[in-house]
Amino acid sequence: MARRPVRRARGSSDRTPGPRKPSGQTDGRDSRPEEEFDDIETKGDARDRVHARLVRIARKYPDLPIGSVKTAGLSSRDAGFARALEQCILQRWNTLQAIAASKLDRDWRILQGSVRAALLIGTAELLLMDGVPDHAAINETVNRVRRHVHGGAAGLVNAVLRQIAALRGETLPANHPDAMDFHQRRDVLPLVDGRALLLTEPVFAEDEVLRLCQQTSHGEPLVVHWIAAHGLARTRELCHHDLVRPPICVTATDPQTLEVFTGEEGPLAPHDRHGFFIVTDEHLNLGMFLGHDPSRRIQDPASAEPVAATAGFRPKLIVDYCAGRGTKTKQLTETHPDARILATDIDATRRNDLRRAFLDHPRVEVVDPAGLAPAMGQTDLLVLDVPCSNTGVLARRPEARYRFDSDTLRSISSLQKGIVRETQPLLGPSAAILFATCSLEPLENRKIAHWIGHHFGFDLQTEHQTFPSGIPGSSPNQIHDGSFHAILTRGDMGSSET
C-alpha cells in the first residue's frame, strides 16, 4: 500500500515516510488528565512506572528534571529493569523521538504526553534493549495505552511500533567502518557498546549537524555551539563519548591499599589514571566496600584534578563553598591534613548529606552559608566548585544535553560571577581561589577565571581543561569525564607551588 506524504516533527528526517492513519483512529490528543498517572508511578509494574514518570517529565522537555523512577515495592529484578529502561530513554531521548517521528503522519509535538511516552518506551525496547522480544515490547506498550488512554491512541502506537520493529536490520561490530563512521549515514544507529544497528530505511536527517544530534541524542543548540567552539571533528568525538556507560571509579588516601582488590577474582581493575580503579563486579555492595575504609571514595579521575592541583599550598583555613555532597571536601581533608575546613552548600538537602558524611570529623565543620561569618577575612583557600552546564559529564547527566542554549549559558556565567562576588570577603590578604567546574565551555571556565583576576586583583597561577575520554566500545579503564580548574592567588600564597 502506498504511503501518503507526512508532516514532520522538528528534528526528524525530511524524506522518511510514515504510516497511514488507520480508519477511525484518533490522534492521541483527547485524553484523560495526565495527573491520573500519578498513582501509577508508585503502584504500577515496572513499565507502568516508567511510563507514568515519562508522562510527567515529557511535559517539561527539554528541561528534563533530575530524578529517577520510583521502585519501592518492586522486586529487585523489576526495579533494575525499570531503572535500565528509564536510563536508556533519558540517554537516547532525541534519538528515539527522531525514529518514532519518522513513522508518524503528524507532528510529534501535538501528541499527548502519554502517547509520546509510550512510543519512547516501545522504540527503546525494540531497538536498544537486549532480551526484550518484539511481541512483548509492542503488546505491553499498546495494552498500557489502551488501559490508560483510549483505544484510538493504542491503534496509533501499535501501527508505529510495528513499523519501527521492521527497521531493525544487521548489527554491525564495533570495528566495522559504518559503525565507526555512523555519522556519515542516515540508516545507522550507534549503540552504547560500540556496535551499530544498520536500519532498513534512512530515518535520520540529511543535514549532517541535525543527523549528529539525532544519532547521539544531543540538543541542536549544544551541537552547533560545540562546532563553533571546537570544530566538527572534536564535536563528533564529544557527542560519541556521551553515549558511553561511564564506569564507577574509586580511589583512596593511599590508592595502593586498593590494589589487593584487583586481579581475576577481585571487584576492581586499575584505571589508566594512576591511583584510580574501576568497579568491575556489578554485584559489589559499594556501601559496605566504602564503609570498610573511610579513606575510600567514589570519584572520577577528572573530578579529582582540581583539588589535587592545590597540594603545594599549606592553608590553615579552607572554605568549601559549593560542597555538594562532599566528594571534594573529603579529598581536601586528605590533601591538606593540617587544615580546618568549613563546608557549606546553598541547598538544604545537600547540606544535610554533608552533615551526615562528616559527622564527628575533627577538622570539618558543616555550616549554613550564614555560618561562615567567623571566616570573613581569614580564609586561606576558597574552593568554588560552582554550578555549570555540566557539558563535561553529559554521559552521566543526559538531561543536561537537551536544555543547553546560549541564554542558559550566559545565565550560569552570571550566577558564577555572583558566587565569586559574595565569597570575596571571606579571603585573607594572602589567599588562593580554586575555581572548578565540570564544563567544557570557556564562558563558564577560562573567561570567569580571567575575570576574577582582573576584578579582584588575583594572579592566575594555572588553568587546565580536561576533555572527556573514551567512546562506546572503549575499555572502561580509558573512560573519564571532563573538568576544568583554575588556581588564582594573591599575596604570599602566590609563592606556593601549584
Protein backbone atom coordinates (compact mmCIF):
# COMPACT_ATOMS: atom_id res chain seq x y z
CA MET A 1 0.00 0.00 0.00
CA ALA A 2 1.43 3.41 -0.93
CA ARG A 3 2.09 5.81 1.90
CA ARG A 4 0.88 9.36 1.76
CA PRO A 5 3.09 12.40 2.47
CA VAL A 6 3.55 13.10 6.15
CA ARG A 7 4.13 16.05 8.43
CA ARG A 8 7.49 16.07 10.15
CA ALA A 9 8.33 16.70 13.76
CA ARG A 10 11.12 19.24 14.19
CA GLY A 11 14.36 17.33 14.01
CA SER A 12 13.05 14.36 12.04
CA SER A 13 14.18 13.41 8.56
CA ASP A 14 12.51 15.30 5.76
CA ARG A 15 12.42 12.27 3.46
CA THR A 16 11.35 9.41 5.68
CA PRO A 17 7.76 8.27 5.07
CA GLY A 18 5.34 7.45 7.86
CA PRO A 19 2.36 5.14 8.29
CA ARG A 20 -1.12 5.85 7.13
CA LYS A 21 -3.52 6.65 9.91
CA PRO A 22 -5.90 3.68 10.30
CA SER A 23 -9.52 4.46 9.53
CA GLY A 24 -11.36 5.85 12.53
CA GLN A 25 -8.18 6.21 14.58
CA THR A 26 -7.94 9.21 16.89
CA ASP A 27 -4.71 11.13 17.15
CA GLY A 28 -3.94 10.80 20.84
CA ARG A 29 -4.78 14.37 21.77
CA ASP A 30 -8.14 13.87 23.52
CA SER A 31 -7.36 12.03 26.74
CA ARG A 32 -7.86 11.79 30.44
CA PRO A 33 -5.95 14.26 32.64
CA GLU A 34 -2.30 13.25 32.93
CA GLU A 35 -2.48 13.72 36.72
CA GLU A 36 -4.26 10.36 36.76
CA PHE A 37 -0.87 8.76 36.08
CA ASP A 38 0.46 9.90 39.49
CA ASP A 39 -0.76 6.80 41.35
CA ILE A 40 0.60 4.52 38.64
CA GLU A 41 4.08 5.98 39.23
CA THR A 42 4.11 4.41 42.71
CA LYS A 43 1.77 1.41 42.34
CA GLY A 44 2.16 0.02 38.82
CA ASP A 45 4.53 -2.58 37.43
CA ALA A 46 8.00 -1.66 36.14
CA ARG A 47 6.88 -0.50 32.68
CA ASP A 48 3.84 1.30 34.10
CA ARG A 49 6.03 3.30 36.47
CA VAL A 50 8.50 4.30 33.78
CA HIS A 51 5.60 5.29 31.53
CA ALA A 52 3.99 7.37 34.28
CA ARG A 53 7.27 9.15 35.03
CA LEU A 54 7.85 9.89 31.35
CA VAL A 55 4.34 11.34 31.07
CA ARG A 56 5.23 13.69 33.91
CA ILE A 57 8.62 14.82 32.59
CA ALA A 58 7.72 14.86 28.87
CA ARG A 59 5.68 17.99 29.55
CA LYS A 60 8.89 19.72 30.65
CA TYR A 61 11.12 18.69 27.76
CA PRO A 62 13.77 19.95 27.01
CA ASP A 63 14.10 20.97 30.68
CA LEU A 64 14.04 17.40 31.96
CA PRO A 65 14.27 17.26 35.76
CA ILE A 66 16.84 15.28 37.69
CA GLY A 67 15.35 12.24 39.39
CA SER A 68 14.54 8.60 38.81
CA VAL A 69 11.66 6.18 38.57
CA LYS A 70 10.10 5.11 41.88
CA THR A 71 10.88 1.44 42.53
CA ALA A 72 9.59 0.89 46.09
CA GLY A 73 7.60 -2.34 46.25
CA LEU A 74 9.10 -3.85 43.09
CA SER A 75 11.26 -6.96 43.12
CA SER A 76 14.98 -6.32 42.70
CA ARG A 77 14.77 -7.68 39.15
CA ASP A 78 11.83 -5.46 38.20
CA ALA A 79 13.41 -2.44 39.89
CA GLY A 80 16.60 -3.00 37.91
CA PHE A 81 14.64 -3.28 34.67
CA ALA A 82 12.71 -0.08 35.43
CA ARG A 83 15.91 1.87 36.10
CA ALA A 84 17.63 0.46 33.00
CA LEU A 85 14.65 1.30 30.78
CA GLU A 86 14.37 4.82 32.14
CA GLN A 87 18.11 5.45 31.81
CA CYS A 88 18.11 4.16 28.24
CA ILE A 89 15.33 6.58 27.31
CA LEU A 90 16.94 9.56 29.02
CA GLN A 91 20.25 8.81 27.30
CA ARG A 92 18.65 8.49 23.84
CA TRP A 93 15.54 10.69 24.05
CA ASN A 94 16.26 12.65 20.87
CA THR A 95 17.30 9.50 19.00
CA LEU A 96 14.12 7.67 19.96
CA GLN A 97 11.99 10.70 19.17
CA ALA A 98 13.55 11.08 15.72
CA ILE A 99 12.94 7.42 14.88
CA ALA A 100 9.36 7.40 16.15
CA ALA A 101 8.57 10.73 14.50
CA SER A 102 9.77 9.36 11.16
CA LYS A 103 6.86 6.91 11.28
CA LEU A 104 4.16 9.41 12.22
CA ASP A 105 1.71 11.18 9.92
CA ARG A 106 1.53 14.18 12.26
CA ASP A 107 3.84 16.42 14.25
CA TRP A 108 5.35 14.72 17.30
CA ARG A 109 4.69 17.79 19.43
CA ILE A 110 0.90 17.60 19.11
CA LEU A 111 0.77 14.10 20.58
CA GLN A 112 -0.50 13.67 24.10
CA GLY A 113 2.30 13.13 26.63
CA SER A 114 1.18 9.60 27.43
CA VAL A 115 1.38 8.63 23.74
CA ARG A 116 4.83 10.16 23.37
CA ALA A 117 5.96 8.30 26.48
CA ALA A 118 4.61 5.02 25.10
CA LEU A 119 6.42 5.49 21.79
CA LEU A 120 9.69 6.31 23.55
CA ILE A 121 9.40 3.16 25.67
CA GLY A 122 8.42 0.89 22.80
CA THR A 123 11.14 2.21 20.49
CA ALA A 124 13.78 1.83 23.20
CA GLU A 125 12.79 -1.76 23.89
CA LEU A 126 12.67 -2.67 20.21
CA LEU A 127 15.98 -1.13 19.14
CA LEU A 128 18.20 -0.51 22.15
CA MET A 129 17.49 -3.08 24.86
CA ASP A 130 18.64 -6.69 24.65
CA GLY A 131 16.42 -9.54 25.75
CA VAL A 132 13.03 -7.92 25.09
CA PRO A 133 11.05 -9.85 22.42
CA ASP A 134 9.28 -7.72 19.83
CA HIS A 135 5.85 -9.04 20.75
CA ALA A 136 6.41 -8.18 24.42
CA ALA A 137 7.64 -4.68 23.66
CA ILE A 138 4.74 -3.95 21.32
CA ASN A 139 1.91 -5.69 23.15
CA GLU A 140 2.84 -4.41 26.60
CA THR A 141 3.07 -0.85 25.29
CA VAL A 142 -0.15 -1.00 23.29
CA ASN A 143 -2.12 -2.57 26.14
CA ARG A 144 -0.84 0.08 28.54
CA VAL A 145 -2.04 2.84 26.24
CA ARG A 146 -5.38 1.10 25.82
CA ARG A 147 -5.79 0.85 29.62
CA HIS A 148 -4.71 4.35 30.49
CA VAL A 149 -5.56 6.45 27.43
CA HIS A 150 -8.02 5.10 24.83
CA GLY A 151 -8.31 2.62 22.01
CA GLY A 152 -7.62 5.08 19.20
CA ALA A 153 -4.29 6.07 20.68
CA ALA A 154 -3.47 2.39 21.17
CA GLY A 155 -4.05 1.84 17.45
CA LEU A 156 -1.65 4.63 16.57
CA VAL A 157 1.03 3.26 18.91
CA ASN A 158 0.58 -0.27 17.55
CA ALA A 159 0.95 0.89 13.93
CA VAL A 160 4.06 2.95 14.64
CA LEU A 161 5.83 0.34 16.77
CA ARG A 162 5.30 -2.41 14.21
CA GLN A 163 6.98 -0.27 11.57
CA ILE A 164 9.81 0.53 13.98
CA ALA A 165 10.34 -3.19 14.64
CA ALA A 166 10.72 -3.63 10.88
CA LEU A 167 13.58 -1.11 10.89
CA ARG A 168 15.93 -3.44 12.74
CA GLY A 169 18.50 -4.85 10.36
CA GLU A 170 22.02 -6.15 10.78
CA THR A 171 24.04 -5.40 13.92
CA LEU A 172 27.47 -4.14 12.88
CA PRO A 173 30.53 -4.93 15.02
CA ALA A 174 32.36 -2.04 16.67
CA ASN A 175 35.25 -2.26 14.20
CA HIS A 176 33.00 -2.09 11.14
CA PRO A 177 33.68 1.08 9.10
CA ASP A 178 29.99 2.05 9.12
CA ALA A 179 29.83 1.65 12.91
CA MET A 180 32.89 3.83 13.40
CA ASP A 181 31.69 6.44 10.88
CA PHE A 182 28.00 6.20 11.73
CA HIS A 183 27.58 9.95 11.31
CA GLN A 184 28.07 9.63 7.55
CA ARG A 185 24.93 7.53 7.06
CA ARG A 186 21.24 8.16 7.69
CA ASP A 187 20.47 4.50 8.38
CA VAL A 188 22.98 3.68 11.15
CA LEU A 189 22.09 3.77 14.84
CA PRO A 190 25.18 3.80 17.15
CA LEU A 191 24.89 1.62 20.25
CA VAL A 192 26.32 2.04 23.73
CA ASP A 193 28.87 -0.78 23.37
CA GLY A 194 30.43 0.49 20.14
CA ARG A 195 28.37 -1.66 17.79
CA ALA A 196 25.79 -0.12 15.50
CA LEU A 197 22.39 -1.13 14.19
CA LEU A 198 22.00 -0.92 10.43
CA LEU A 199 18.41 0.16 9.84
CA THR A 200 16.36 -0.96 6.87
CA GLU A 201 15.45 2.63 6.00
CA PRO A 202 17.22 6.01 6.30
CA VAL A 203 15.35 7.65 9.18
CA PHE A 204 17.86 10.28 10.30
CA ALA A 205 18.15 13.77 8.85
CA GLU A 206 20.00 14.61 5.65
CA ASP A 207 21.66 17.63 7.26
CA GLU A 208 24.85 16.32 8.92
CA VAL A 209 24.58 18.51 12.02
CA LEU A 210 20.97 17.61 12.69
CA ARG A 211 21.77 13.97 11.95
CA LEU A 212 24.55 14.01 14.56
CA CYS A 213 22.10 15.49 17.08
CA GLN A 214 19.64 12.68 16.40
CA GLN A 215 22.06 9.77 16.29
CA THR A 216 23.82 10.76 19.54
CA SER A 217 20.82 12.37 21.26
CA HIS A 218 22.05 15.92 21.80
CA GLY A 219 20.18 19.18 21.57
CA GLU A 220 20.84 21.13 18.38
CA PRO A 221 21.88 24.33 20.23
CA LEU A 222 24.62 22.40 22.06
CA VAL A 223 26.00 20.74 18.94
CA VAL A 224 26.01 24.00 16.97
CA HIS A 225 27.76 25.71 19.90
CA TRP A 226 30.40 22.98 20.12
CA ILE A 227 31.10 23.10 16.39
CA ALA A 228 31.74 26.84 16.66
CA ALA A 229 33.97 26.37 19.71
CA HIS A 230 35.81 23.13 18.91
CA GLY A 231 35.21 22.27 15.25
CA LEU A 232 33.15 19.46 13.74
CA ALA A 233 35.67 16.65 14.30
CA ARG A 234 36.03 17.32 18.04
CA THR A 235 32.25 17.76 18.32
CA ARG A 236 31.69 14.32 16.83
CA GLU A 237 34.09 12.87 19.40
CA LEU A 238 32.34 14.64 22.27
CA CYS A 239 28.89 13.54 21.11
CA HIS A 240 30.04 9.96 20.63
CA HIS A 241 31.66 9.94 24.09
CA ASP A 242 28.38 10.93 25.69
CA LEU A 243 26.89 7.57 24.65
CA VAL A 244 29.30 5.58 26.87
CA ARG A 245 28.33 3.86 30.08
CA PRO A 246 30.72 5.68 32.44
CA PRO A 247 32.39 3.33 34.93
CA ILE A 248 32.24 3.73 38.69
CA CYS A 249 35.71 4.83 39.79
CA VAL A 250 37.09 4.56 43.30
CA THR A 251 40.24 5.82 44.96
CA ALA A 252 41.61 6.21 48.48
CA THR A 253 44.03 8.28 50.52
CA ASP A 254 46.58 5.56 49.81
CA PRO A 255 45.50 4.08 46.48
CA GLN A 256 47.90 1.16 46.92
CA THR A 257 45.54 -0.24 49.56
CA LEU A 258 43.05 -0.91 46.75
CA GLU A 259 45.42 -2.95 44.61
CA VAL A 260 44.65 -6.07 46.66
CA PHE A 261 41.12 -5.97 45.20
CA THR A 262 42.33 -6.22 41.58
CA GLY A 263 43.01 -9.37 39.62
CA GLU A 264 40.79 -12.09 38.18
CA GLU A 265 38.80 -12.61 41.37
CA GLY A 266 38.78 -9.02 42.57
CA PRO A 267 35.94 -6.49 42.18
CA LEU A 268 38.28 -3.74 40.91
CA ALA A 269 40.55 -3.12 37.94
CA PRO A 270 43.16 -0.36 37.56
CA HIS A 271 42.09 2.74 35.66
CA ASP A 272 44.51 4.27 33.18
CA ARG A 273 44.76 7.25 35.54
CA HIS A 274 47.19 6.29 38.30
CA GLY A 275 45.60 5.87 41.71
CA PHE A 276 42.10 5.15 40.42
CA PHE A 277 40.25 1.88 39.98
CA ILE A 278 37.06 0.89 38.20
CA VAL A 279 34.41 -1.32 39.73
CA THR A 280 34.13 -4.45 37.59
CA ASP A 281 31.84 -6.51 39.84
CA GLU A 282 28.27 -5.32 39.33
CA HIS A 283 27.22 -7.20 42.46
CA LEU A 284 29.69 -5.39 44.73
CA ASN A 285 27.97 -3.75 47.69
CA LEU A 286 29.56 -0.32 47.30
CA GLY A 287 28.22 0.98 50.59
CA MET A 288 29.86 -1.81 52.54
CA PHE A 289 33.05 -1.63 50.48
CA LEU A 290 33.47 2.09 51.13
CA GLY A 291 32.46 1.72 54.76
CA HIS A 292 35.33 -0.68 55.49
CA ASP A 293 37.83 2.17 54.99
CA PRO A 294 36.74 5.82 55.46
CA SER A 295 39.51 6.97 53.13
CA ARG A 296 37.87 5.27 50.14
CA ARG A 297 35.65 7.37 47.91
CA ILE A 298 33.86 7.23 44.57
CA GLN A 299 35.37 9.85 42.27
CA ASP A 300 36.11 10.19 38.58
CA PRO A 301 39.77 10.98 37.84
CA ALA A 302 38.85 14.27 36.12
CA SER A 303 36.84 15.35 39.16
CA ALA A 304 39.88 14.80 41.38
CA GLU A 305 42.23 17.02 39.37
CA PRO A 306 41.18 20.42 40.81
CA VAL A 307 41.84 19.63 44.49
CA ALA A 308 45.00 17.69 43.60
CA ALA A 309 46.32 20.88 41.98
CA THR A 310 46.28 22.64 45.39
CA ALA A 311 48.68 20.15 47.00
CA GLY A 312 51.52 22.69 47.08
CA PHE A 313 49.61 25.06 49.37
CA ARG A 314 49.62 24.93 53.18
CA PRO A 315 46.34 26.58 54.14
CA LYS A 316 45.20 26.81 57.74
CA LEU A 317 41.54 27.54 56.91
CA ILE A 318 39.71 26.25 53.84
CA VAL A 319 36.17 27.17 52.86
CA ASP A 320 34.45 24.71 50.51
CA TYR A 321 31.59 26.94 49.42
CA CYS A 322 29.71 24.74 46.91
CA ALA A 323 30.46 21.46 48.63
CA GLY A 324 27.55 19.43 47.25
CA ARG A 325 27.59 16.06 48.98
CA GLY A 326 31.23 16.31 49.95
CA THR A 327 33.38 14.38 47.45
CA LYS A 328 35.88 17.21 47.04
CA THR A 329 35.55 18.05 50.75
CA LYS A 330 36.77 14.56 51.59
CA GLN A 331 39.61 14.94 49.11
CA LEU A 332 40.53 18.26 50.75
CA THR A 333 40.87 16.55 54.14
CA GLU A 334 43.40 14.16 52.62
CA THR A 335 45.29 16.74 50.55
CA HIS A 336 45.53 19.23 53.44
CA PRO A 337 45.73 17.17 56.65
CA ASP A 338 46.58 20.18 58.83
CA ALA A 339 43.80 22.48 57.62
CA ARG A 340 40.48 23.28 59.21
CA ILE A 341 37.64 23.08 56.67
CA LEU A 342 34.30 24.87 56.66
CA ALA A 343 31.93 23.25 54.17
CA THR A 344 28.57 24.55 53.03
CA ASP A 345 26.05 24.39 50.22
CA ILE A 346 23.07 26.58 49.46
CA ASP A 347 20.83 23.51 49.10
CA ALA A 348 19.49 22.28 52.45
CA THR A 349 19.24 18.64 51.33
CA ARG A 350 22.86 18.57 50.25
CA ARG A 351 23.90 20.27 53.50
CA ASN A 352 22.15 17.53 55.46
CA ASP A 353 24.02 14.93 53.41
CA LEU A 354 27.24 16.79 54.19
CA ARG A 355 26.49 16.76 57.90
CA ARG A 356 25.95 13.02 57.86
CA ALA A 357 29.11 12.44 55.83
CA PHE A 358 31.31 14.45 58.19
CA LEU A 359 29.60 13.75 61.49
CA ASP A 360 32.21 13.97 64.27
CA HIS A 361 35.01 14.70 61.79
CA PRO A 362 37.69 16.53 63.80
CA ARG A 363 38.59 19.08 61.11
CA VAL A 364 35.43 19.54 59.01
CA GLU A 365 32.57 21.74 60.16
CA VAL A 366 29.42 21.85 58.04
CA VAL A 367 27.63 25.19 58.34
CA ASP A 368 24.83 27.17 56.73
CA PRO A 369 26.15 29.89 54.39
CA ALA A 370 25.36 32.43 57.12
CA GLY A 371 27.58 30.43 59.46
CA LEU A 372 30.67 31.48 57.51
CA ALA A 373 30.75 34.90 59.19
CA PRO A 374 33.65 33.96 61.53
CA ALA A 375 35.74 33.11 58.47
CA MET A 376 35.47 36.61 56.98
CA GLY A 377 38.94 37.84 56.07
CA GLN A 378 40.52 34.66 57.45
CA THR A 379 40.23 32.10 54.64
CA ASP A 380 43.46 30.89 53.05
CA LEU A 381 41.95 28.67 50.35
CA LEU A 382 38.49 29.24 48.89
CA VAL A 383 37.16 26.29 46.90
CA LEU A 384 34.47 27.22 44.38
CA ASP A 385 33.20 24.11 42.60
CA VAL A 386 30.47 26.18 41.03
CA PRO A 387 27.25 25.30 39.16
CA CYS A 388 27.75 24.92 35.42
CA SER A 389 26.22 23.49 32.26
CA ASN A 390 27.67 20.01 33.02
CA THR A 391 28.94 19.62 29.46
CA GLY A 392 31.96 17.63 30.66
CA VAL A 393 29.79 14.97 32.30
CA LEU A 394 26.91 14.51 29.86
CA ALA A 395 27.39 10.74 29.82
CA ARG A 396 26.34 10.86 33.48
CA ARG A 397 23.91 13.78 33.18
CA PRO A 398 22.00 13.16 29.93
CA GLU A 399 19.21 15.59 30.81
CA ALA A 400 21.73 18.45 30.53
CA ARG A 401 22.21 17.71 26.81
CA TYR A 402 18.71 18.83 25.97
CA ARG A 403 18.34 22.04 27.98
CA PHE A 404 21.58 23.72 26.83
CA ASP A 405 21.23 27.02 24.97
CA SER A 406 23.10 30.31 24.78
CA ASP A 407 20.73 32.09 27.17
CA THR A 408 21.19 29.40 29.81
CA LEU A 409 24.95 29.53 29.37
CA ARG A 410 25.01 33.29 29.93
CA SER A 411 22.72 32.91 32.94
CA ILE A 412 25.00 30.32 34.53
CA SER A 413 28.05 32.50 33.87
CA SER A 414 26.29 35.38 35.62
CA LEU A 415 25.45 33.10 38.55
CA GLN A 416 29.10 32.07 38.83
CA LYS A 417 30.19 35.70 38.96
CA GLY A 418 27.64 36.31 41.71
CA ILE A 419 29.10 33.45 43.77
CA VAL A 420 32.61 34.85 43.33
CA ARG A 421 31.49 38.32 44.42
CA GLU A 422 29.68 37.14 47.53
CA THR A 423 32.60 34.99 48.69
CA GLN A 424 35.39 37.54 48.23
CA PRO A 425 35.04 38.94 51.79
CA LEU A 426 35.99 35.51 53.14
CA LEU A 427 39.53 35.74 51.80
CA GLY A 428 42.52 36.87 53.79
CA PRO A 429 45.23 39.24 52.48
CA SER A 430 47.23 36.25 51.27
CA ALA A 431 44.89 33.68 49.80
CA ALA A 432 44.13 31.34 46.93
CA ILE A 433 40.97 30.53 44.99
CA LEU A 434 40.35 27.15 43.41
CA PHE A 435 37.72 27.69 40.71
CA ALA A 436 36.36 24.42 39.29
CA THR A 437 33.58 23.16 37.02
CA CYS A 438 32.61 20.01 35.13
CA SER A 439 32.10 22.12 32.00
CA LEU A 440 33.85 22.39 28.64
CA GLU A 441 32.62 25.93 27.97
CA PRO A 442 35.11 28.85 28.03
CA LEU A 443 32.35 31.26 29.10
CA GLU A 444 31.99 29.26 32.33
CA ASN A 445 35.65 28.41 32.73
CA ARG A 446 38.60 30.35 31.36
CA LYS A 447 36.71 33.62 30.96
CA ILE A 448 35.49 33.51 34.57
CA ALA A 449 39.00 32.76 35.82
CA HIS A 450 40.41 35.74 33.93
CA TRP A 451 37.52 37.91 35.13
CA ILE A 452 38.37 37.02 38.75
CA GLY A 453 41.97 38.04 38.25
CA HIS A 454 41.06 41.32 36.58
CA HIS A 455 38.31 42.41 39.00
CA PHE A 456 39.75 41.25 42.31
CA GLY A 457 43.49 41.57 41.90
CA PHE A 458 44.42 37.88 41.77
CA ASP A 459 47.19 36.31 39.75
CA LEU A 460 46.23 33.35 37.59
CA GLN A 461 48.68 30.62 38.55
CA THR A 462 47.30 27.77 36.48
CA GLU A 463 44.29 26.76 34.41
CA HIS A 464 43.58 23.35 32.98
CA GLN A 465 40.83 21.93 30.79
CA THR A 466 40.35 18.16 30.68
CA PHE A 467 38.20 16.81 27.87
CA PRO A 468 36.20 13.60 28.31
CA SER A 469 37.89 10.42 27.16
CA GLY A 470 36.56 7.19 25.69
CA ILE A 471 33.85 6.25 23.22
CA PRO A 472 31.40 3.34 23.07
CA GLY A 473 33.47 0.19 22.81
CA SER A 474 36.44 1.65 24.70
CA SER A 475 37.81 -0.28 27.65
CA PRO A 476 36.24 1.14 30.84
CA ASN A 477 39.69 2.00 32.18
CA GLN A 478 40.08 4.51 29.34
CA ILE A 479 36.86 6.38 30.10
CA HIS A 480 36.75 9.52 32.22
CA ASP A 481 34.78 12.76 32.49
CA GLY A 482 35.72 16.30 31.53
CA SER A 483 36.56 19.06 34.00
CA PHE A 484 38.15 22.49 34.36
CA HIS A 485 40.06 24.19 37.14
CA ALA A 486 41.98 27.38 37.69
CA ILE A 487 44.05 28.50 40.68
CA LEU A 488 44.37 32.20 41.44
CA THR A 489 46.45 33.72 44.24
CA ARG A 490 47.33 36.98 45.90
CA GLY A 491 49.92 37.94 48.47
CA ASP A 492 52.29 35.31 49.83
CA MET A 493 50.11 32.46 48.55
CA GLY A 494 51.41 33.19 45.07
CA SER A 495 54.81 31.85 46.01
CA SER A 496 53.46 28.35 46.79
CA GLU A 497 53.88 25.51 44.34
CA THR A 498 50.76 24.66 42.36
